[in-house]
C-alpha atoms as a PDB file:
ATOM      1  CA  MET A   1     -53.828  12.178 -23.730  1.00  0.00           C
ATOM      2  CA  ALA A   2     -56.812  10.575 -25.483  1.00  0.00           C
ATOM      3  CA  ILE A   3     -60.361  11.503 -24.464  1.00  0.00           C
ATOM      4  CA  ASN A   4     -62.640   8.595 -23.517  1.00  0.00           C
ATOM      5  CA  LEU A   5     -66.105   9.458 -24.771  1.00  0.00           C
ATOM      6  CA  GLN A   6     -69.577   8.504 -23.589  1.00  0.00           C
ATOM      7  CA  LYS A   7     -72.494   7.827 -25.920  1.00  0.00           C
ATOM      8  CA  GLY A   8     -73.827  11.070 -27.400  1.00  0.00           C
ATOM      9  CA  GLN A   9     -70.765  13.110 -26.426  1.00  0.00           C
ATOM     10  CA  LYS A  10     -69.313  15.591 -28.923  1.00  0.00           C
ATOM     11  CA  VAL A  11     -65.700  16.743 -29.089  1.00  0.00           C
ATOM     12  CA  ASP A  12     -63.676  19.157 -31.228  1.00  0.00           C
ATOM     13  CA  LEU A  13     -61.121  17.610 -33.555  1.00  0.00           C
ATOM     14  CA  THR A  14     -59.515  20.534 -35.382  1.00  0.00           C
ATOM     15  CA  LYS A  15     -60.295  23.414 -32.988  1.00  0.00           C
ATOM     16  CA  GLY A  16     -57.247  23.693 -30.760  1.00  0.00           C
ATOM     17  CA  ASN A  17     -55.364  21.202 -32.965  1.00  0.00           C
ATOM     18  CA  GLU A  18     -53.934  23.558 -35.550  1.00  0.00           C
ATOM     19  CA  GLY A  19     -52.788  21.830 -38.723  1.00  0.00           C
ATOM     20  CA  LEU A  20     -54.641  18.583 -37.983  1.00  0.00           C
ATOM     21  CA  THR A  21     -55.705  17.111 -41.324  1.00  0.00           C
ATOM     22  CA  ASP A  22     -54.614  13.463 -41.381  1.00  0.00           C
ATOM     23  CA  LEU A  23     -56.761  11.154 -39.257  1.00  0.00           C
ATOM     24  CA  LEU A  24     -56.591   7.425 -38.693  1.00  0.00           C
ATOM     25  CA  VAL A  25     -59.922   5.959 -37.644  1.00  0.00           C
ATOM     26  CA  GLY A  26     -59.545   2.550 -36.011  1.00  0.00           C
ATOM     27  CA  LEU A  27     -62.476   0.215 -35.394  1.00  0.00           C
ATOM     28  CA  GLY A  28     -62.156  -2.955 -33.342  1.00  0.00           C
ATOM     29  CA  TRP A  29     -64.191  -5.795 -31.877  1.00  0.00           C
ATOM     30  CA  ASP A  30     -63.843  -9.330 -30.544  1.00  0.00           C
ATOM     31  CA  ALA A  31     -66.176 -12.301 -30.839  1.00  0.00           C
ATOM     32  CA  ALA A  32     -67.646 -13.141 -27.436  1.00  0.00           C
ATOM     33  CA  LYS A  33     -67.039 -16.701 -26.292  1.00  0.00           C
ATOM     34  CA  PRO A  34     -70.227 -18.799 -26.277  1.00  0.00           C
ATOM     35  CA  SER A  35     -71.564 -19.433 -22.782  1.00  0.00           C
ATOM     36  CA  GLY A  36     -72.409 -22.918 -21.509  1.00  0.00           C
ATOM     37  CA  GLY A  37     -72.600 -25.938 -23.770  1.00  0.00           C
ATOM     38  CA  GLY A  38     -70.432 -28.269 -21.709  1.00  0.00           C
ATOM     39  CA  LEU A  39     -67.175 -29.942 -22.576  1.00  0.00           C
ATOM     40  CA  PHE A  40     -67.748 -30.352 -26.301  1.00  0.00           C
ATOM     41  CA  SER A  41     -69.039 -26.853 -27.069  1.00  0.00           C
ATOM     42  CA  ALA A  42     -65.519 -25.729 -27.951  1.00  0.00           C
ATOM     43  CA  PHE A  43     -65.449 -28.218 -30.813  1.00  0.00           C
ATOM     44  CA  LYS A  44     -68.508 -26.819 -32.575  1.00  0.00           C
ATOM     45  CA  SER A  45     -67.473 -24.991 -35.718  1.00  0.00           C
ATOM     46  CA  ALA A  46     -69.629 -21.850 -35.654  1.00  0.00           C
ATOM     47  CA  PRO A  47     -68.834 -19.487 -38.539  1.00  0.00           C
ATOM     48  CA  SER A  48     -66.645 -16.576 -37.512  1.00  0.00           C
ATOM     49  CA  ILE A  49     -68.348 -13.187 -37.298  1.00  0.00           C
ATOM     50  CA  ASP A  50     -67.320 -11.034 -40.260  1.00  0.00           C
ATOM     51  CA  CYS A  51     -67.870  -7.369 -39.378  1.00  0.00           C
ATOM     52  CA  ASP A  52     -67.511  -4.814 -42.161  1.00  0.00           C
ATOM     53  CA  ALA A  53     -66.724  -1.152 -41.517  1.00  0.00           C
ATOM     54  CA  SER A  54     -68.104   1.371 -43.994  1.00  0.00           C
ATOM     55  CA  VAL A  55     -68.030   5.148 -44.377  1.00  0.00           C
ATOM     56  CA  LEU A  56     -70.886   7.262 -45.727  1.00  0.00           C
ATOM     57  CA  MET A  57     -70.101  10.793 -46.903  1.00  0.00           C
ATOM     58  CA  LEU A  58     -73.219  12.943 -46.555  1.00  0.00           C
ATOM     59  CA  GLU A  59     -74.224  16.343 -47.861  1.00  0.00           C
ATOM     60  CA  ALA A  60     -76.371  18.861 -45.942  1.00  0.00           C
ATOM     61  CA  GLY A  61     -79.578  17.313 -44.614  1.00  0.00           C
ATOM     62  CA  ASP A  62     -77.796  13.955 -44.153  1.00  0.00           C
ATOM     63  CA  LYS A  63     -78.239  13.147 -47.856  1.00  0.00           C
ATOM     64  CA  LEU A  64     -76.173  10.587 -49.748  1.00  0.00           C
ATOM     65  CA  VAL A  65     -76.049  11.906 -53.308  1.00  0.00           C
ATOM     66  CA  THR A  66     -74.259   9.014 -54.971  1.00  0.00           C
ATOM     67  CA  GLU A  67     -73.249   5.514 -53.882  1.00  0.00           C
ATOM     68  CA  LYS A  68     -69.706   6.475 -54.900  1.00  0.00           C
ATOM     69  CA  ASP A  69     -69.691   8.461 -51.639  1.00  0.00           C
ATOM     70  CA  VAL A  70     -69.739   5.146 -49.730  1.00  0.00           C
ATOM     71  CA  VAL A  71     -66.298   3.743 -48.893  1.00  0.00           C
ATOM     72  CA  TYR A  72     -66.280   0.042 -47.936  1.00  0.00           C
ATOM     73  CA  PHE A  73     -64.554  -3.247 -48.804  1.00  0.00           C
ATOM     74  CA  GLY A  74     -65.935  -3.035 -52.375  1.00  0.00           C
ATOM     75  CA  ASN A  75     -64.860   0.614 -52.876  1.00  0.00           C
ATOM     76  CA  LEU A  76     -61.722   1.165 -50.821  1.00  0.00           C
ATOM     77  CA  ALA A  77     -61.025   4.801 -51.737  1.00  0.00           C
ATOM     78  CA  HIS A  78     -63.108   7.893 -52.426  1.00  0.00           C
ATOM     79  CA  LYS A  79     -62.400   9.554 -55.780  1.00  0.00           C
ATOM     80  CA  SER A  80     -61.331  12.750 -53.955  1.00  0.00           C
ATOM     81  CA  GLY A  81     -58.518  10.896 -52.202  1.00  0.00           C
ATOM     82  CA  SER A  82     -59.924  12.078 -48.874  1.00  0.00           C
ATOM     83  CA  ILE A  83     -60.886   8.647 -47.509  1.00  0.00           C
ATOM     84  CA  LYS A  84     -59.053   5.324 -47.831  1.00  0.00           C
ATOM     85  CA  HIS A  85     -60.233   2.037 -46.327  1.00  0.00           C
ATOM     86  CA  MET A  86     -57.379  -0.334 -45.523  1.00  0.00           C
ATOM     87  CA  GLY A  87     -59.367  -3.483 -46.293  1.00  0.00           C
ATOM     88  CA  ASP A  88     -61.603  -6.105 -44.778  1.00  0.00           C
ATOM     89  CA  ASN A  89     -60.748  -8.168 -41.696  1.00  0.00           C
ATOM     90  CA  LEU A  90     -62.833 -11.347 -42.041  1.00  0.00           C
ATOM     91  CA  THR A  91     -62.715 -12.594 -38.442  1.00  0.00           C
ATOM     92  CA  GLY A  92     -62.019  -9.823 -35.913  1.00  0.00           C
ATOM     93  CA  ASP A  93     -59.221 -11.931 -34.441  1.00  0.00           C
ATOM     94  CA  GLY A  94     -56.213 -10.306 -32.819  1.00  0.00           C
ATOM     95  CA  ASP A  95     -55.654  -7.234 -30.677  1.00  0.00           C
ATOM     96  CA  GLY A  96     -55.956  -3.594 -31.688  1.00  0.00           C
ATOM     97  CA  ASP A  97     -57.808  -2.205 -34.686  1.00  0.00           C
ATOM     98  CA  ASP A  98     -59.625  -4.724 -36.858  1.00  0.00           C
ATOM     99  CA  GLU A  99     -60.227  -2.257 -39.669  1.00  0.00           C
ATOM    100  CA  GLN A 100     -58.645   1.127 -40.333  1.00  0.00           C
ATOM    101  CA  ILE A 101     -59.743   4.113 -42.368  1.00  0.00           C
ATOM    102  CA  PHE A 102     -57.551   7.076 -43.263  1.00  0.00           C
ATOM    103  CA  ILE A 103     -59.101  10.523 -43.678  1.00  0.00           C
ATOM    104  CA  ASP A 104     -57.417  13.609 -45.137  1.00  0.00           C
ATOM    105  CA  LEU A 105     -59.700  16.420 -43.956  1.00  0.00           C
ATOM    106  CA  SER A 106     -58.045  18.863 -46.364  1.00  0.00           C
ATOM    107  CA  LYS A 107     -59.295  16.794 -49.323  1.00  0.00           C
ATOM    108  CA  VAL A 108     -62.888  16.214 -48.184  1.00  0.00           C
ATOM    109  CA  PRO A 109     -65.089  17.794 -50.899  1.00  0.00           C
ATOM    110  CA  ALA A 110     -66.737  21.066 -49.845  1.00  0.00           C
ATOM    111  CA  ASN A 111     -70.236  19.607 -50.313  1.00  0.00           C
ATOM    112  CA  ILE A 112     -69.629  16.888 -47.702  1.00  0.00           C
ATOM    113  CA  GLU A 113     -70.906  17.934 -44.264  1.00  0.00           C
ATOM    114  CA  LYS A 114     -70.768  14.658 -42.346  1.00  0.00           C
ATOM    115  CA  ILE A 115     -68.784  11.397 -42.422  1.00  0.00           C
ATOM    116  CA  VAL A 116     -70.616   8.471 -40.812  1.00  0.00           C
ATOM    117  CA  PHE A 117     -68.854   5.303 -39.606  1.00  0.00           C
ATOM    118  CA  VAL A 118     -70.977   2.155 -39.485  1.00  0.00           C
ATOM    119  CA  VAL A 119     -70.153  -1.508 -38.914  1.00  0.00           C
ATOM    120  CA  ASN A 120     -72.448  -4.301 -40.058  1.00  0.00           C
ATOM    121  CA  ILE A 121     -72.236  -8.092 -39.806  1.00  0.00           C
ATOM    122  CA  TYR A 122     -71.819  -9.760 -43.181  1.00  0.00           C
ATOM    123  CA  LYS A 123     -74.671 -12.213 -43.890  1.00  0.00           C
ATOM    124  CA  ALA A 124     -75.956 -11.710 -40.335  1.00  0.00           C
ATOM    125  CA  SER A 125     -79.422 -13.159 -41.072  1.00  0.00           C
ATOM    126  CA  ASP A 126     -78.091 -16.248 -42.862  1.00  0.00           C
ATOM    127  CA  ARG A 127     -75.621 -16.956 -40.072  1.00  0.00           C
ATOM    128  CA  LYS A 128     -78.009 -15.962 -37.241  1.00  0.00           C
ATOM    129  CA  GLN A 129     -75.429 -13.531 -35.874  1.00  0.00           C
ATOM    130  CA  HIS A 130     -75.833 -10.173 -34.118  1.00  0.00           C
ATOM    131  CA  PHE A 131     -73.802  -7.650 -32.153  1.00  0.00           C
ATOM    132  CA  GLY A 132     -74.759  -9.316 -28.876  1.00  0.00           C
ATOM    133  CA  MET A 133     -72.111 -11.868 -29.944  1.00  0.00           C
ATOM    134  CA  ILE A 134     -69.464  -9.142 -30.083  1.00  0.00           C
ATOM    135  CA  LYS A 135     -67.531  -7.644 -27.175  1.00  0.00           C
ATOM    136  CA  ASN A 136     -64.892  -4.940 -26.712  1.00  0.00           C
ATOM    137  CA  ALA A 137     -66.124  -2.916 -29.699  1.00  0.00           C
ATOM    138  CA  PHE A 138     -64.620   0.558 -30.082  1.00  0.00           C
ATOM    139  CA  ILE A 139     -63.929   3.415 -32.451  1.00  0.00           C
ATOM    140  CA  ARG A 140     -60.860   5.588 -31.973  1.00  0.00           C
ATOM    141  CA  ILE A 141     -59.347   8.507 -33.845  1.00  0.00           C
ATOM    142  CA  LEU A 142     -55.640   9.238 -34.072  1.00  0.00           C
ATOM    143  CA  ASP A 143     -53.601  12.142 -35.375  1.00  0.00           C
ATOM    144  CA  ASN A 144     -51.966  10.083 -38.104  1.00  0.00           C
ATOM    145  CA  LYS A 145     -48.909  12.334 -38.464  1.00  0.00           C
ATOM    146  CA  LYS A 146     -48.086  12.315 -34.748  1.00  0.00           C
ATOM    147  CA  LYS A 147     -49.372   8.729 -34.218  1.00  0.00           C
ATOM    148  CA  THR A 148     -51.196   9.908 -31.087  1.00  0.00           C
ATOM    149  CA  GLU A 149     -54.675   8.830 -30.083  1.00  0.00           C
ATOM    150  CA  LEU A 150     -57.060  11.794 -29.827  1.00  0.00           C
ATOM    151  CA  LEU A 151     -60.192  10.014 -28.665  1.00  0.00           C
ATOM    152  CA  ARG A 152     -61.728   6.617 -28.026  1.00  0.00           C
ATOM    153  CA  PHE A 153     -65.345   5.524 -27.691  1.00  0.00           C
ATOM    154  CA  ASN A 154     -65.971   2.067 -26.215  1.00  0.00           C
ATOM    155  CA  LEU A 155     -69.323   0.679 -27.380  1.00  0.00           C
ATOM    156  CA  SER A 156     -70.559  -1.071 -24.271  1.00  0.00           C
ATOM    157  CA  ASP A 157     -74.369  -1.109 -24.714  1.00  0.00           C
ATOM    158  CA  ASN A 158     -76.313  -4.345 -25.125  1.00  0.00           C
ATOM    159  CA  TYR A 159     -76.602  -4.796 -28.891  1.00  0.00           C
ATOM    160  CA  THR A 160     -78.382  -8.166 -28.866  1.00  0.00           C
ATOM    161  CA  ASP A 161     -80.358  -8.704 -32.103  1.00  0.00           C
ATOM    162  CA  LYS A 162     -78.720  -5.642 -33.702  1.00  0.00           C
ATOM    163  CA  THR A 163     -76.963  -6.361 -36.998  1.00  0.00           C
ATOM    164  CA  ALA A 164     -75.581  -2.891 -37.752  1.00  0.00           C
ATOM    165  CA  LEU A 165     -73.826  -0.447 -35.471  1.00  0.00           C
ATOM    166  CA  PHE A 166     -73.512   3.288 -36.115  1.00  0.00           C
ATOM    167  CA  THR A 167     -70.330   4.016 -34.184  1.00  0.00           C
ATOM    168  CA  GLY A 168     -69.570   7.697 -34.715  1.00  0.00           C
ATOM    169  CA  GLU A 169     -69.629  10.738 -36.988  1.00  0.00           C
ATOM    170  CA  VAL A 170     -67.089  13.353 -38.045  1.00  0.00           C
ATOM    171  CA  TYR A 171     -68.839  16.546 -39.138  1.00  0.00           C
ATOM    172  CA  ARG A 172     -68.250  20.176 -40.028  1.00  0.00           C
ATOM    173  CA  TYR A 173     -69.310  22.890 -37.585  1.00  0.00           C
ATOM    174  CA  ASN A 174     -68.472  26.586 -38.011  1.00  0.00           C
ATOM    175  CA  GLY A 175     -65.505  25.797 -40.230  1.00  0.00           C
ATOM    176  CA  GLU A 176     -64.072  23.180 -37.859  1.00  0.00           C
ATOM    177  CA  TRP A 177     -64.398  19.389 -37.661  1.00  0.00           C
ATOM    178  CA  LYS A 178     -66.003  17.668 -34.666  1.00  0.00           C
ATOM    179  CA  PHE A 179     -66.761  14.077 -33.656  1.00  0.00           C
ATOM    180  CA  THR A 180     -69.933  12.622 -32.129  1.00  0.00           C
ATOM    181  CA  ALA A 181     -69.963   9.270 -30.308  1.00  0.00           C
ATOM    182  CA  VAL A 182     -73.152   7.653 -31.669  1.00  0.00           C
ATOM    183  CA  GLY A 183     -73.248   3.995 -30.565  1.00  0.00           C
ATOM    184  CA  GLU A 184     -76.681   3.180 -32.050  1.00  0.00           C
ATOM    185  CA  GLY A 185     -77.540  -0.376 -33.068  1.00  0.00           C
ATOM    186  CA  THR A 186     -80.077  -1.137 -35.808  1.00  0.00           C
ATOM    187  CA  ALA A 187     -81.548  -4.212 -37.491  1.00  0.00           C
ATOM    188  CA  ASP A 188     -80.342  -3.254 -40.988  1.00  0.00           C
ATOM    189  CA  LYS A 189     -79.445  -6.488 -42.773  1.00  0.00           C
ATOM    190  CA  GLY A 190     -76.607  -5.054 -44.811  1.00  0.00           C
ATOM    191  CA  LEU A 191     -75.016  -2.022 -46.402  1.00  0.00           C
ATOM    192  CA  LYS A 192     -77.808  -1.633 -48.982  1.00  0.00           C
ATOM    193  CA  GLU A 193     -80.369  -1.113 -46.237  1.00  0.00           C
ATOM    194  CA  ILE A 194     -78.064   1.303 -44.417  1.00  0.00           C
ATOM    195  CA  ILE A 195     -77.639   3.356 -47.613  1.00  0.00           C
ATOM    196  CA  GLN A 196     -81.428   3.551 -48.038  1.00  0.00           C
ATOM    197  CA  ARG A 197     -81.624   5.610 -44.839  1.00  0.00           C
ATOM    198  CA  TYR A 198     -79.816   8.493 -46.536  1.00  0.00           C
ATOM    199  CA  LEU A 199     -81.297   8.558 -50.043  1.00  0.00           C
END
């Protein structure tokens, strides 16, 4: 049975799950319906909110050594074969995962200590969009071989005026892999600004 996590909670992934190497990380969200506006508000053509999930692979000290260690819609697979992004969902429409990332823990390079999952809104400033316009956001991790959900973290804070969302981290600890539910919103305008945090 999947564990429902609270913000800041940590949980073991591989300890007690012998042989677990293949993970599916699912990220999802829905656009919140605009409130008020009367009868004709439904006919206004606001641009859809395009959220982009990215993965940053960090060395000790939370350092990003090369931008090739960032997996996103413009770089869908890490050269090690350890991380594969299944592509960009431009609208967030539909149920279930909006974007999916596969991780093979057995192929993660030895120098990588932490894998950070972040979602940002594409052209958020230009479109005057923020995560206060998003609801039902979550990150979940599945055992990809068994197709069973291991954990889920529903991001339920108020993220008004936040344009990037650090959802969770998978990291090494004493030879095992763990997950932290992060759930921190920031005002980073895009992936370039997010990357700057780790250089």
